């Protein structure tokens, strides 16, 4: 038999789960962007760590130096992914009050 405290705790957990689902959906719609090469390459990533856009300016494309373009793309994408993860961690921290809840993302 569950006492009133257990019932209250279960309701709080259910409320937090609903808030987390809402936040996950909201974060999936939010984006962050990062550039490399002085803006020659721009990567846009959403809160689900999905690359949603990649812009490469024509002047960044040098057939003689494909390696440089590759580095610029990797730098921009990895930077945007890091920003996205930081955004998710920050927003989840607001929701959980700093509790470390592994496995939620």
Protein backbone atom coordinates (compact mmCIF):
# COMPACT_ATOMS: atom_id res chain seq x y z
CA UNK A 1 0.00 0.00 0.00
CA UNK A 2 1.37 3.42 -0.97
CA UNK A 3 1.30 6.22 1.54
CA UNK A 4 0.51 9.83 0.68
CA UNK A 5 4.22 10.70 0.43
CA UNK A 6 4.83 7.99 -2.17
CA UNK A 7 1.80 9.17 -4.16
CA UNK A 8 3.06 12.74 -4.05
CA UNK A 9 6.53 11.64 -5.16
CA UNK A 10 5.12 9.63 -8.07
CA UNK A 11 3.11 12.64 -9.22
CA UNK A 12 6.25 14.80 -9.07
CA UNK A 13 8.19 12.23 -11.12
CA UNK A 14 5.38 12.05 -13.70
CA UNK A 15 5.29 15.85 -13.90
CA UNK A 16 9.07 15.97 -14.40
CA UNK A 17 8.86 13.29 -17.11
CA UNK A 18 6.19 15.29 -18.94
CA UNK A 19 8.30 18.46 -18.65
CA UNK A 20 11.36 16.61 -19.95
CA UNK A 21 9.45 15.30 -22.96
CA UNK A 22 8.22 18.81 -23.70
CA UNK A 23 11.74 20.18 -23.33
CA UNK A 24 13.20 17.49 -25.60
CA UNK A 25 10.69 18.44 -28.28
CA UNK A 26 11.41 22.13 -27.82
CA UNK A 27 15.17 21.56 -27.97
CA UNK A 28 14.70 19.59 -31.19
CA UNK A 29 13.32 22.77 -32.71
CA UNK A 30 16.09 25.02 -31.37
CA UNK A 31 19.28 25.42 -33.34
CA UNK A 32 22.81 26.62 -32.74
CA UNK A 33 25.35 27.49 -35.39
CA UNK A 34 29.10 27.60 -35.62
CA UNK A 35 31.45 28.84 -38.29
CA UNK A 36 35.00 28.10 -39.34
CA UNK A 37 37.44 29.81 -41.64
CA UNK A 38 36.12 33.27 -40.87
CA UNK A 39 32.60 32.28 -41.88
CA UNK A 40 33.60 30.30 -44.96
CA UNK A 41 31.80 27.25 -43.53
CA UNK A 42 28.72 27.38 -41.30
CA UNK A 43 27.11 24.39 -39.57
CA UNK A 44 23.65 24.49 -37.96
CA UNK A 45 22.73 21.79 -35.43
CA UNK A 46 19.49 21.27 -33.52
CA UNK A 47 19.02 20.26 -29.89
CA UNK A 48 18.90 16.60 -30.90
CA UNK A 49 22.49 16.90 -32.15
CA UNK A 50 21.35 16.59 -35.76
CA UNK A 51 23.11 18.58 -38.47
CA UNK A 52 20.27 20.51 -40.11
CA UNK A 53 22.22 22.85 -42.40
CA UNK A 54 25.70 23.21 -43.80
CA UNK A 55 26.73 26.26 -45.79
CA UNK A 56 29.99 26.44 -47.71
CA UNK A 57 30.93 29.70 -49.41
CA UNK A 58 32.33 29.28 -52.93
CA UNK A 59 35.65 30.84 -51.97
CA UNK A 60 36.18 28.01 -49.45
CA UNK A 61 36.20 25.49 -52.29
CA UNK A 62 39.73 25.07 -53.62
CA UNK A 63 40.18 21.93 -55.74
CA UNK A 64 43.89 22.10 -54.92
CA UNK A 65 43.23 22.03 -51.16
CA UNK A 66 40.31 19.72 -50.40
CA UNK A 67 41.96 18.86 -47.09
CA UNK A 68 41.52 22.45 -45.86
CA UNK A 69 37.81 22.41 -46.74
CA UNK A 70 37.42 19.09 -44.93
CA UNK A 71 39.05 20.57 -41.82
CA UNK A 72 36.79 23.64 -41.95
CA UNK A 73 33.67 21.46 -42.22
CA UNK A 74 34.78 19.21 -39.34
CA UNK A 75 35.61 22.22 -37.17
CA UNK A 76 32.27 23.93 -37.81
CA UNK A 77 30.20 20.75 -37.33
CA UNK A 78 32.00 19.67 -34.15
CA UNK A 79 31.75 23.15 -32.68
CA UNK A 80 28.01 23.30 -33.41
CA UNK A 81 27.51 19.83 -31.90
CA UNK A 82 29.35 20.91 -28.73
CA UNK A 83 27.20 24.05 -28.48
CA UNK A 84 24.08 21.93 -28.92
CA UNK A 85 25.10 19.52 -26.15
CA UNK A 86 25.89 22.48 -23.85
CA UNK A 87 22.47 23.99 -24.61
CA UNK A 88 20.73 20.70 -23.76
CA UNK A 89 22.73 20.26 -20.56
CA UNK A 90 22.00 23.84 -19.49
CA UNK A 91 18.24 23.55 -20.18
CA UNK A 92 17.97 20.12 -18.55
CA UNK A 93 19.85 21.47 -15.53
CA UNK A 94 17.21 24.18 -15.14
CA UNK A 95 14.49 21.53 -15.21
CA UNK A 96 16.12 19.01 -12.90
CA UNK A 97 17.55 21.55 -10.49
CA UNK A 98 21.05 20.27 -11.14
CA UNK A 99 20.24 16.62 -10.42
CA UNK A 100 22.39 14.28 -12.45
CA UNK A 101 19.91 11.94 -14.13
CA UNK A 102 21.93 9.67 -16.44
CA UNK A 103 20.29 8.13 -19.46
CA UNK A 104 17.78 10.89 -20.08
CA UNK A 105 19.46 12.04 -23.28
